[in-house]
Amino acid sequence: QVQLVESGGDSVQAGGSLRLSCTSSGSVDCIGWFRQAPGKEREGVALIGLLSGTTLYHPSVKGRFTIARDNAKNAVYLQMNNLNPDDTAKYYCAQLSPCLLLAKHADIWGQGTQVTVSS
């Protein structure tokens, strides 16, 4: 029933920043950000509980990325700072049930937005 739409992906130089947005057509309880580079498995980046505000980050992005919510707008944001080429991937948001940062728990996916970081 809920639809998710990502936006904000772009090409950026190493060290730059981007903010990704995930907008939901309705209220959700838990949203995760995932990314997938060509030839690699999809990996969890961060999640947030929409009601509790609880967050979790993959160690590779901890301290550089920040996930936040705006419940009034049914939106989740991923602020990405100090980007490096290893962050290059297509980024997806997903509704998670249960609220664990695993792709197998995603029951709704957005279409994805491309992030490309050049060196």
C-alpha atoms as a PDB file:
ATOM      1  CA  GLN A   1       0.000   0.000   0.000  1.00  0.00           C
ATOM      2  CA  VAL A   2       2.772   2.439   0.912  1.00  0.00           C
ATOM      3  CA  GLN A   3       4.960   3.732  -1.905  1.00  0.00           C
ATOM      4  CA  LEU A   4       8.474   5.080  -1.412  1.00  0.00           C
ATOM      5  CA  VAL A   5      10.294   7.543  -3.645  1.00  0.00           C
ATOM      6  CA  GLU A   6      13.983   8.418  -3.359  1.00  0.00           C
ATOM      7  CA  SER A   7      15.632  11.584  -4.603  1.00  0.00           C
ATOM      8  CA  GLY A   8      18.827  13.554  -4.174  1.00  0.00           C
ATOM      9  CA  GLY A   9      21.374  11.317  -5.862  1.00  0.00           C
ATOM     10  CA  ASP A  10      24.036  13.044  -7.928  1.00  0.00           C
ATOM     11  CA  SER A  11      27.651  12.970  -9.014  1.00  0.00           C
ATOM     12  CA  VAL A  12      30.020  14.571  -6.526  1.00  0.00           C
ATOM     13  CA  GLN A  13      33.732  14.864  -5.876  1.00  0.00           C
ATOM     14  CA  ALA A  14      35.360  12.943  -3.050  1.00  0.00           C
ATOM     15  CA  GLY A  15      34.921  14.840   0.181  1.00  0.00           C
ATOM     16  CA  GLY A  16      31.638  16.314  -0.930  1.00  0.00           C
ATOM     17  CA  SER A  17      28.174  15.959   0.535  1.00  0.00           C
ATOM     18  CA  LEU A  18      24.714  14.955  -0.587  1.00  0.00           C
ATOM     19  CA  ARG A  19      21.365  14.647   1.098  1.00  0.00           C
ATOM     20  CA  LEU A  20      19.078  11.866  -0.019  1.00  0.00           C
ATOM     21  CA  SER A  21      15.360  11.962   0.600  1.00  0.00           C
ATOM     22  CA  CYS A  22      12.866   9.146   0.941  1.00  0.00           C
ATOM     23  CA  THR A  23       9.257  10.212   0.784  1.00  0.00           C
ATOM     24  CA  SER A  24       6.466   7.846   1.749  1.00  0.00           C
ATOM     25  CA  SER A  25       2.879   7.964   0.559  1.00  0.00           C
ATOM     26  CA  GLY A  26       1.804   7.179   4.104  1.00  0.00           C
ATOM     27  CA  SER A  27       3.014   6.724   7.648  1.00  0.00           C
ATOM     28  CA  VAL A  28       5.589   3.985   8.201  1.00  0.00           C
ATOM     29  CA  ASP A  29       7.248   2.611  11.326  1.00  0.00           C
ATOM     30  CA  CYS A  30      10.774   1.880  10.156  1.00  0.00           C
ATOM     31  CA  ILE A  31      12.809   2.956   7.134  1.00  0.00           C
ATOM     32  CA  GLY A  32      16.218   1.738   6.093  1.00  0.00           C
ATOM     33  CA  TRP A  33      18.655   3.007   3.509  1.00  0.00           C
ATOM     34  CA  PHE A  34      20.476   0.404   1.439  1.00  0.00           C
ATOM     35  CA  ARG A  35      22.970   0.661  -1.375  1.00  0.00           C
ATOM     36  CA  GLN A  36      24.123  -1.575  -4.168  1.00  0.00           C
ATOM     37  CA  ALA A  37      27.090  -1.181  -6.473  1.00  0.00           C
ATOM     38  CA  PRO A  38      27.394  -3.191  -9.706  1.00  0.00           C
ATOM     39  CA  GLY A  39      28.506  -6.734  -8.994  1.00  0.00           C
ATOM     40  CA  LYS A  40      28.087  -6.352  -5.242  1.00  0.00           C
ATOM     41  CA  GLU A  41      25.379  -7.393  -2.843  1.00  0.00           C
ATOM     42  CA  ARG A  42      22.920  -4.903  -1.502  1.00  0.00           C
ATOM     43  CA  GLU A  43      24.048  -3.692   1.913  1.00  0.00           C
ATOM     44  CA  GLY A  44      22.367  -1.828   4.696  1.00  0.00           C
ATOM     45  CA  VAL A  45      23.545   1.733   5.305  1.00  0.00           C
ATOM     46  CA  ALA A  46      21.326   3.069   8.078  1.00  0.00           C
ATOM     47  CA  LEU A  47      17.868   2.778   9.549  1.00  0.00           C
ATOM     48  CA  ILE A  48      15.552   4.855  11.654  1.00  0.00           C
ATOM     49  CA  GLY A  49      12.475   4.055  13.668  1.00  0.00           C
ATOM     50  CA  LEU A  50       9.945   6.697  12.722  1.00  0.00           C
ATOM     51  CA  LEU A  51       8.179   6.734  16.063  1.00  0.00           C
ATOM     52  CA  SER A  52      11.087   6.109  18.417  1.00  0.00           C
ATOM     53  CA  GLY A  53      13.802   7.940  16.512  1.00  0.00           C
ATOM     54  CA  THR A  54      16.151   5.036  17.098  1.00  0.00           C
ATOM     55  CA  THR A  55      18.950   4.915  14.522  1.00  0.00           C
ATOM     56  CA  LEU A  56      21.520   2.376  13.433  1.00  0.00           C
ATOM     57  CA  TYR A  57      24.443   2.753  11.028  1.00  0.00           C
ATOM     58  CA  HIS A  58      26.742   0.474   9.150  1.00  0.00           C
ATOM     59  CA  PRO A  59      30.247   0.958  10.593  1.00  0.00           C
ATOM     60  CA  SER A  60      31.584   2.164   7.238  1.00  0.00           C
ATOM     61  CA  VAL A  61      29.334   5.241   7.318  1.00  0.00           C
ATOM     62  CA  LYS A  62      29.129   5.922  11.052  1.00  0.00           C
ATOM     63  CA  GLY A  63      30.250   9.474  11.735  1.00  0.00           C
ATOM     64  CA  ARG A  64      29.886  10.502   8.097  1.00  0.00           C
ATOM     65  CA  PHE A  65      26.216   9.808   7.409  1.00  0.00           C
ATOM     66  CA  THR A  66      23.224  10.890   9.450  1.00  0.00           C
ATOM     67  CA  ILE A  67      19.705   9.536   9.081  1.00  0.00           C
ATOM     68  CA  ALA A  68      16.816  11.703  10.187  1.00  0.00           C
ATOM     69  CA  ARG A  69      13.065  11.796   9.957  1.00  0.00           C
ATOM     70  CA  ASP A  70      10.367  14.379   9.407  1.00  0.00           C
ATOM     71  CA  ASN A  71       7.179  12.593  10.327  1.00  0.00           C
ATOM     72  CA  ALA A  72       5.000  15.543   9.357  1.00  0.00           C
ATOM     73  CA  LYS A  73       6.266  15.187   5.798  1.00  0.00           C
ATOM     74  CA  ASN A  74       6.433  11.376   5.831  1.00  0.00           C
ATOM     75  CA  ALA A  75      10.065  11.774   4.892  1.00  0.00           C
ATOM     76  CA  VAL A  76      13.390  10.243   5.849  1.00  0.00           C
ATOM     77  CA  TYR A  77      16.688  11.857   4.947  1.00  0.00           C
ATOM     78  CA  LEU A  78      20.205  10.551   4.648  1.00  0.00           C
ATOM     79  CA  GLN A  79      22.804  13.290   5.022  1.00  0.00           C
ATOM     80  CA  MET A  80      26.011  12.010   3.473  1.00  0.00           C
ATOM     81  CA  ASN A  81      29.207  13.905   4.299  1.00  0.00           C
ATOM     82  CA  ASN A  82      32.843  13.327   3.406  1.00  0.00           C
ATOM     83  CA  LEU A  83      31.889  11.024   0.576  1.00  0.00           C
ATOM     84  CA  ASN A  84      34.474   8.730  -0.932  1.00  0.00           C
ATOM     85  CA  PRO A  85      34.454   6.588  -4.098  1.00  0.00           C
ATOM     86  CA  ASP A  86      33.508   3.507  -2.068  1.00  0.00           C
ATOM     87  CA  ASP A  87      30.158   5.186  -1.442  1.00  0.00           C
ATOM     88  CA  THR A  88      29.333   5.017  -5.153  1.00  0.00           C
ATOM     89  CA  ALA A  89      26.177   2.945  -5.501  1.00  0.00           C
ATOM     90  CA  LYS A  90      22.500   3.106  -6.167  1.00  0.00           C
ATOM     91  CA  TYR A  91      20.774   3.987  -2.913  1.00  0.00           C
ATOM     92  CA  TYR A  92      17.372   2.627  -1.978  1.00  0.00           C
ATOM     93  CA  CYS A  93      15.048   3.238   0.900  1.00  0.00           C
ATOM     94  CA  ALA A  94      12.830   0.479   2.189  1.00  0.00           C
ATOM     95  CA  GLN A  95      10.166  -0.200   4.741  1.00  0.00           C
ATOM     96  CA  LEU A  96      11.512  -2.704   7.230  1.00  0.00           C
ATOM     97  CA  SER A  97       9.594  -5.257   9.222  1.00  0.00           C
ATOM     98  CA  PRO A  98      10.983  -6.106  11.671  1.00  0.00           C
ATOM     99  CA  CYS A  99      13.086  -2.987  12.084  1.00  0.00           C
ATOM    100  CA  LEU A 100      16.448  -4.558  11.329  1.00  0.00           C
ATOM    101  CA  LEU A 101      18.977  -3.402   8.750  1.00  0.00           C
ATOM    102  CA  LEU A 102      18.738  -6.454   6.548  1.00  0.00           C
ATOM    103  CA  ALA A 103      17.468  -6.516   2.992  1.00  0.00           C
ATOM    104  CA  LYS A 104      15.487  -9.652   3.710  1.00  0.00           C
ATOM    105  CA  HIS A 105      13.289  -7.649   6.070  1.00  0.00           C
ATOM    106  CA  ALA A 106      12.397  -5.040   3.467  1.00  0.00           C
ATOM    107  CA  ASP A 107       8.834  -5.446   2.264  1.00  0.00           C
ATOM    108  CA  ILE A 108       8.609  -2.248   0.191  1.00  0.00           C
ATOM    109  CA  TRP A 109      11.401  -0.717  -1.889  1.00  0.00           C
ATOM    110  CA  GLY A 110      11.763   2.583  -3.640  1.00  0.00           C
ATOM    111  CA  GLN A 111      13.144   2.815  -7.159  1.00  0.00           C
ATOM    112  CA  GLY A 112      16.548   4.027  -6.034  1.00  0.00           C
ATOM    113  CA  THR A 113      18.731   7.055  -6.678  1.00  0.00           C
ATOM    114  CA  GLN A 114      22.275   6.966  -8.022  1.00  0.00           C
ATOM    115  CA  VAL A 115      25.198   8.381  -6.068  1.00  0.00           C
ATOM    116  CA  THR A 116      28.518   8.630  -7.870  1.00  0.00           C
ATOM    117  CA  VAL A 117      31.642   9.846  -6.080  1.00  0.00           C
ATOM    118  CA  SER A 118      34.670  10.638  -8.191  1.00  0.00           C
ATOM    119  CA  SER A 119      38.263  10.786  -7.019  1.00  0.00           C
END
